[in-house]
Amino acid sequence: MNRPLQLLVALAVAAAAPLAAPVAAGVEDQVRGLVLAGEIMPFETIRKQVASRVKGDYIGAEFDAATLTYRFRFLVDGSVKNVVVDARTGKRARSASY
């Protein structure tokens, strides 16, 4: 992919990402309940840990209630990098491209 096209894709992804919302709409209450019950770690704690290890721009996250994991998305050198983290431990579960 040529450089101008990479930049255009990167800008489109960044513009479309909801930077203010930590997780998908409608999931906040479920996450809050799990945090209060002590089942998972607070989102911000995990986000800061992951962001300190990934050299890229944070563009969003999704919570998977079935696996109790977060999928964080970062823009790294014009490509989206996914980092999946166990919400119970804060440790990286796996990395995947979606």
C-alpha atoms as a PDB file:
ATOM      1  CA  MET A   1       0.000   0.000   0.000  1.00  0.00           C
ATOM      2  CA  ASN A   2       1.478   3.366  -0.908  1.00  0.00           C
ATOM      3  CA  ARG A   3       2.123   5.984   1.772  1.00  0.00           C
ATOM      4  CA  PRO A   4      -0.677   8.482   0.844  1.00  0.00           C
ATOM      5  CA  LEU A   5      -3.239   5.671   0.857  1.00  0.00           C
ATOM      6  CA  GLN A   6      -1.962   4.433   4.248  1.00  0.00           C
ATOM      7  CA  LEU A   7      -2.376   7.924   5.671  1.00  0.00           C
ATOM      8  CA  LEU A   8      -5.876   8.226   4.234  1.00  0.00           C
ATOM      9  CA  VAL A   9      -6.900   4.872   5.749  1.00  0.00           C
ATOM     10  CA  ALA A  10      -5.345   5.841   9.087  1.00  0.00           C
ATOM     11  CA  LEU A  11      -7.235   9.138   9.149  1.00  0.00           C
ATOM     12  CA  ALA A  12     -10.508   7.421   8.260  1.00  0.00           C
ATOM     13  CA  VAL A  13     -10.073   4.846  11.031  1.00  0.00           C
ATOM     14  CA  ALA A  14      -9.130   7.491  13.576  1.00  0.00           C
ATOM     15  CA  ALA A  15     -12.056   9.723  12.608  1.00  0.00           C
ATOM     16  CA  ALA A  16     -14.535   6.860  12.876  1.00  0.00           C
ATOM     17  CA  ALA A  17     -13.322   5.689  16.290  1.00  0.00           C
ATOM     18  CA  PRO A  18     -15.325   6.761  19.342  1.00  0.00           C
ATOM     19  CA  LEU A  19     -12.495   8.150  21.473  1.00  0.00           C
ATOM     20  CA  ALA A  20     -14.656   9.194  24.409  1.00  0.00           C
ATOM     21  CA  ALA A  21     -16.336   5.836  24.996  1.00  0.00           C
ATOM     22  CA  PRO A  22     -14.140   3.160  26.593  1.00  0.00           C
ATOM     23  CA  VAL A  23     -16.349   0.271  25.435  1.00  0.00           C
ATOM     24  CA  ALA A  24     -19.244  -0.245  23.047  1.00  0.00           C
ATOM     25  CA  ALA A  25     -22.472   1.536  23.967  1.00  0.00           C
ATOM     26  CA  GLY A  26     -24.779  -0.453  26.223  1.00  0.00           C
ATOM     27  CA  VAL A  27     -21.977  -2.446  27.840  1.00  0.00           C
ATOM     28  CA  GLU A  28     -20.897   0.135  30.408  1.00  0.00           C
ATOM     29  CA  ASP A  29     -23.396  -0.998  33.066  1.00  0.00           C
ATOM     30  CA  GLN A  30     -22.397  -4.634  32.679  1.00  0.00           C
ATOM     31  CA  VAL A  31     -18.692  -3.769  32.993  1.00  0.00           C
ATOM     32  CA  ARG A  32     -19.365  -1.530  35.994  1.00  0.00           C
ATOM     33  CA  GLY A  33     -21.278  -4.341  37.727  1.00  0.00           C
ATOM     34  CA  LEU A  34     -18.482  -6.839  37.129  1.00  0.00           C
ATOM     35  CA  VAL A  35     -15.890  -4.378  38.454  1.00  0.00           C
ATOM     36  CA  LEU A  36     -17.978  -3.667  41.576  1.00  0.00           C
ATOM     37  CA  ALA A  37     -18.399  -7.414  42.130  1.00  0.00           C
ATOM     38  CA  GLY A  38     -14.612  -7.808  41.959  1.00  0.00           C
ATOM     39  CA  GLU A  39     -14.778 -10.120  38.947  1.00  0.00           C
ATOM     40  CA  ILE A  40     -12.778  -7.911  36.567  1.00  0.00           C
ATOM     41  CA  MET A  41     -10.284  -5.062  36.827  1.00  0.00           C
ATOM     42  CA  PRO A  42     -11.331  -1.455  36.087  1.00  0.00           C
ATOM     43  CA  PHE A  43     -11.193  -0.566  32.394  1.00  0.00           C
ATOM     44  CA  GLU A  44      -8.922   2.465  32.831  1.00  0.00           C
ATOM     45  CA  THR A  45      -6.370   0.465  34.796  1.00  0.00           C
ATOM     46  CA  ILE A  46      -6.098  -2.091  32.008  1.00  0.00           C
ATOM     47  CA  ARG A  47      -6.189   0.525  29.218  1.00  0.00           C
ATOM     48  CA  LYS A  48      -3.271   2.420  30.765  1.00  0.00           C
ATOM     49  CA  GLN A  49      -1.228  -0.784  31.141  1.00  0.00           C
ATOM     50  CA  VAL A  50      -1.829  -1.813  27.542  1.00  0.00           C
ATOM     51  CA  ALA A  51      -1.262   1.688  26.140  1.00  0.00           C
ATOM     52  CA  SER A  52       2.098   1.903  27.917  1.00  0.00           C
ATOM     53  CA  ARG A  53       3.253  -1.277  26.120  1.00  0.00           C
ATOM     54  CA  VAL A  54       1.839  -0.638  22.632  1.00  0.00           C
ATOM     55  CA  LYS A  55       3.544   2.049  20.580  1.00  0.00           C
ATOM     56  CA  GLY A  56       0.621   3.463  18.654  1.00  0.00           C
ATOM     57  CA  ASP A  57      -2.505   5.569  18.923  1.00  0.00           C
ATOM     58  CA  TYR A  58      -5.371   4.119  20.981  1.00  0.00           C
ATOM     59  CA  ILE A  59      -8.556   4.127  18.894  1.00  0.00           C
ATOM     60  CA  GLY A  60     -11.014   2.070  20.929  1.00  0.00           C
ATOM     61  CA  ALA A  61     -11.946  -1.068  22.806  1.00  0.00           C
ATOM     62  CA  GLU A  62     -14.652  -3.718  22.960  1.00  0.00           C
ATOM     63  CA  PHE A  63     -15.657  -5.884  25.910  1.00  0.00           C
ATOM     64  CA  ASP A  64     -16.581  -9.535  25.384  1.00  0.00           C
ATOM     65  CA  ALA A  65     -18.779 -10.677  28.288  1.00  0.00           C
ATOM     66  CA  ALA A  66     -18.595 -14.330  27.237  1.00  0.00           C
ATOM     67  CA  THR A  67     -14.811 -14.500  27.640  1.00  0.00           C
ATOM     68  CA  LEU A  68     -14.330 -11.536  30.019  1.00  0.00           C
ATOM     69  CA  THR A  69     -11.804  -9.972  27.681  1.00  0.00           C
ATOM     70  CA  TYR A  70     -11.182  -6.540  26.199  1.00  0.00           C
ATOM     71  CA  ARG A  71     -10.051  -6.103  22.611  1.00  0.00           C
ATOM     72  CA  PHE A  72      -8.068  -2.892  22.398  1.00  0.00           C
ATOM     73  CA  ARG A  73      -7.402  -1.300  19.017  1.00  0.00           C
ATOM     74  CA  PHE A  74      -4.341   0.771  18.212  1.00  0.00           C
ATOM     75  CA  LEU A  75      -3.213   2.465  15.037  1.00  0.00           C
ATOM     76  CA  VAL A  76       0.410   1.442  14.505  1.00  0.00           C
ATOM     77  CA  ASP A  77       2.265   2.587  11.390  1.00  0.00           C
ATOM     78  CA  GLY A  78      -0.971   2.927   9.422  1.00  0.00           C
ATOM     79  CA  SER A  79      -2.356  -0.470  10.425  1.00  0.00           C
ATOM     80  CA  VAL A  80      -4.853  -1.424  13.102  1.00  0.00           C
ATOM     81  CA  LYS A  81      -3.360  -3.661  15.796  1.00  0.00           C
ATOM     82  CA  ASN A  82      -5.688  -5.609  18.099  1.00  0.00           C
ATOM     83  CA  VAL A  83      -4.590  -6.567  21.595  1.00  0.00           C
ATOM     84  CA  VAL A  84      -6.855  -8.921  23.552  1.00  0.00           C
ATOM     85  CA  VAL A  85      -6.551  -8.734  27.336  1.00  0.00           C
ATOM     86  CA  ASP A  86      -8.100 -10.847  30.085  1.00  0.00           C
ATOM     87  CA  ALA A  87     -10.259  -8.410  32.093  1.00  0.00           C
ATOM     88  CA  ARG A  88      -9.788 -10.492  35.256  1.00  0.00           C
ATOM     89  CA  THR A  89      -5.989 -10.367  35.290  1.00  0.00           C
ATOM     90  CA  GLY A  90      -5.037  -7.545  32.941  1.00  0.00           C
ATOM     91  CA  LYS A  91      -2.715  -9.923  31.094  1.00  0.00           C
ATOM     92  CA  ARG A  92      -2.597 -10.294  27.354  1.00  0.00           C
ATOM     93  CA  ALA A  93      -4.827 -13.162  26.273  1.00  0.00           C
ATOM     94  CA  ARG A  94      -4.057 -13.250  22.565  1.00  0.00           C
ATOM     95  CA  SER A  95      -3.521 -10.987  19.599  1.00  0.00           C
ATOM     96  CA  ALA A  96      -5.827 -11.110  16.619  1.00  0.00           C
ATOM     97  CA  SER A  97      -6.651  -9.258  13.455  1.00  0.00           C
ATOM     98  CA  TYR A  98     -10.318  -8.739  12.756  1.00  0.00           C
END
